C-alpha cells in the first residue's frame, strides 16, 4: 500500500478504534458500512483528513464515500491539484521578467 493509502487507513483505524475491525483487516476495498460507523465517526474522519493533508474538504464529502478507496481517490484529487500548482509555480519561476 502506498504512503497516501497507508496514512488514510491509519487515520480511520485511529478514529474507529480496534473494536470496529478486530475480526477484519482494513484495506482499500473495506466498506464503511461493514465497520459500523456512525455520523460522528464520519465527521471525525473528514476532520482528521483535513488536518493531516492540509486540504479543504467539505463535510458532505463523506456522502460519496462507500469504501476506503473512495476516500483515497478524493484526497488524491486535492493533493494532486496542490502538486500541479507547485509545478506551475516552478515553471513560472524559470522565466525572467
Protein backbone atom coordinates (compact mmCIF):
# COMPACT_ATOMS: atom_id res chain seq x y z
CA UNK A 1 0.00 0.00 0.00
CA UNK A 2 1.34 3.42 -0.94
CA UNK A 3 2.11 6.14 1.57
CA UNK A 4 -1.13 8.08 0.99
CA UNK A 5 -3.28 4.98 1.34
CA UNK A 6 -1.44 3.91 4.49
CA UNK A 7 -1.96 7.31 6.11
CA UNK A 8 -5.68 7.23 5.37
CA UNK A 9 -6.09 3.69 6.71
CA UNK A 10 -4.25 4.69 9.90
CA UNK A 11 -6.49 7.74 10.34
CA UNK A 12 -9.57 5.53 10.03
CA UNK A 13 -8.12 2.97 12.43
CA UNK A 14 -7.43 5.69 14.99
CA UNK A 15 -10.94 7.11 14.72
CA UNK A 16 -12.76 3.80 14.90
CA UNK A 17 -10.53 2.03 17.39
CA UNK A 18 -9.66 -1.64 17.17
CA UNK A 19 -13.13 -2.91 18.10
CA UNK A 20 -14.60 -1.90 14.75
CA UNK A 21 -12.36 -4.13 12.71
CA UNK A 22 -10.97 -6.63 15.18
CA UNK A 23 -12.01 -9.59 13.03
CA UNK A 24 -11.05 -7.97 9.74
CA UNK A 25 -8.11 -6.16 8.28
CA UNK A 26 -8.68 -2.72 6.83
CA UNK A 27 -7.84 -2.28 3.19
CA UNK A 28 -8.80 -0.13 0.25
CA UNK A 29 -11.84 -2.26 -0.51
CA UNK A 30 -13.18 -2.21 3.06
CA UNK A 31 -16.72 -0.83 3.08
CA UNK A 32 -17.64 1.69 5.74
CA UNK A 33 -21.00 0.02 6.36
CA UNK A 34 -19.11 -3.12 7.39
CA UNK A 35 -17.26 -1.13 10.07
CA UNK A 36 -20.40 0.04 11.86
CA UNK A 37 -19.54 3.72 11.51
CA UNK A 38 -21.93 6.41 12.67
CA UNK A 39 -22.22 10.04 11.51
CA UNK A 40 -19.85 11.28 14.21
CA UNK A 41 -17.18 8.78 13.09
CA UNK A 42 -17.54 10.03 9.52
CA UNK A 43 -17.16 13.67 10.51
CA UNK A 44 -14.17 12.81 12.70
CA UNK A 45 -12.53 11.10 9.72
CA UNK A 46 -13.16 14.14 7.50
CA UNK A 47 -11.67 16.45 10.15
CA UNK A 48 -8.63 14.23 10.65
CA UNK A 49 -8.00 14.03 6.90
CA UNK A 50 -8.28 17.81 6.54
CA UNK A 51 -5.69 18.26 9.26
CA UNK A 52 -3.32 15.55 8.06
CA UNK A 53 -3.22 16.68 4.45
CA UNK A 54 -3.93 20.41 4.95
CA UNK A 55 -6.78 20.33 2.47
CA UNK A 56 -10.21 21.91 2.36
CA UNK A 57 -12.78 19.17 2.37
CA UNK A 58 -16.49 19.62 2.91
CA UNK A 59 -18.32 17.52 5.48
CA UNK A 60 -20.59 16.44 2.61
CA UNK A 61 -17.66 14.60 1.01
CA UNK A 62 -18.37 11.64 3.22
CA UNK A 63 -21.71 11.04 1.49
CA UNK A 64 -19.80 9.88 -1.61
CA UNK A 65 -17.57 7.51 0.33
CA UNK A 66 -18.61 3.87 0.37
CA UNK A 67 -15.15 2.30 0.67
CA UNK A 68 -11.75 3.41 1.89
CA UNK A 69 -10.62 3.63 -1.75
CA UNK A 70 -13.21 6.40 -2.26
CA UNK A 71 -11.52 8.44 0.47
CA UNK A 72 -8.12 7.88 -1.14
CA UNK A 73 -9.47 8.98 -4.51
CA UNK A 74 -10.90 12.20 -3.04
CA UNK A 75 -7.73 13.08 -1.13
CA UNK A 76 -5.55 12.28 -4.14
CA UNK A 77 -7.52 14.82 -6.21
CA UNK A 78 -6.79 17.57 -3.67
CA UNK A 79 -3.15 16.60 -3.21
CA UNK A 80 -2.66 16.34 -6.98
CA UNK A 81 -4.10 19.80 -7.52
CA UNK A 82 -1.68 21.27 -4.99
CA UNK A 83 1.25 19.46 -6.62
CA UNK A 84 0.19 20.79 -10.03
CA UNK A 85 0.07 24.32 -8.62
CA UNK A 86 3.58 23.91 -7.21
CA UNK A 87 4.86 22.64 -10.56
CA UNK A 88 3.28 25.60 -12.36
CA UNK A 89 4.97 28.00 -9.95
CA UNK A 90 8.31 26.32 -10.53
CA UNK A 91 7.85 26.63 -14.29
CA UNK A 92 6.98 30.32 -13.99
CA UNK A 93 9.98 30.92 -11.75
CA UNK A 94 12.27 29.84 -14.56
CA UNK A 95 11.27 32.83 -16.68
CA UNK A 96 12.90 36.19 -16.10
CA UNK A 97 10.77 39.27 -16.47
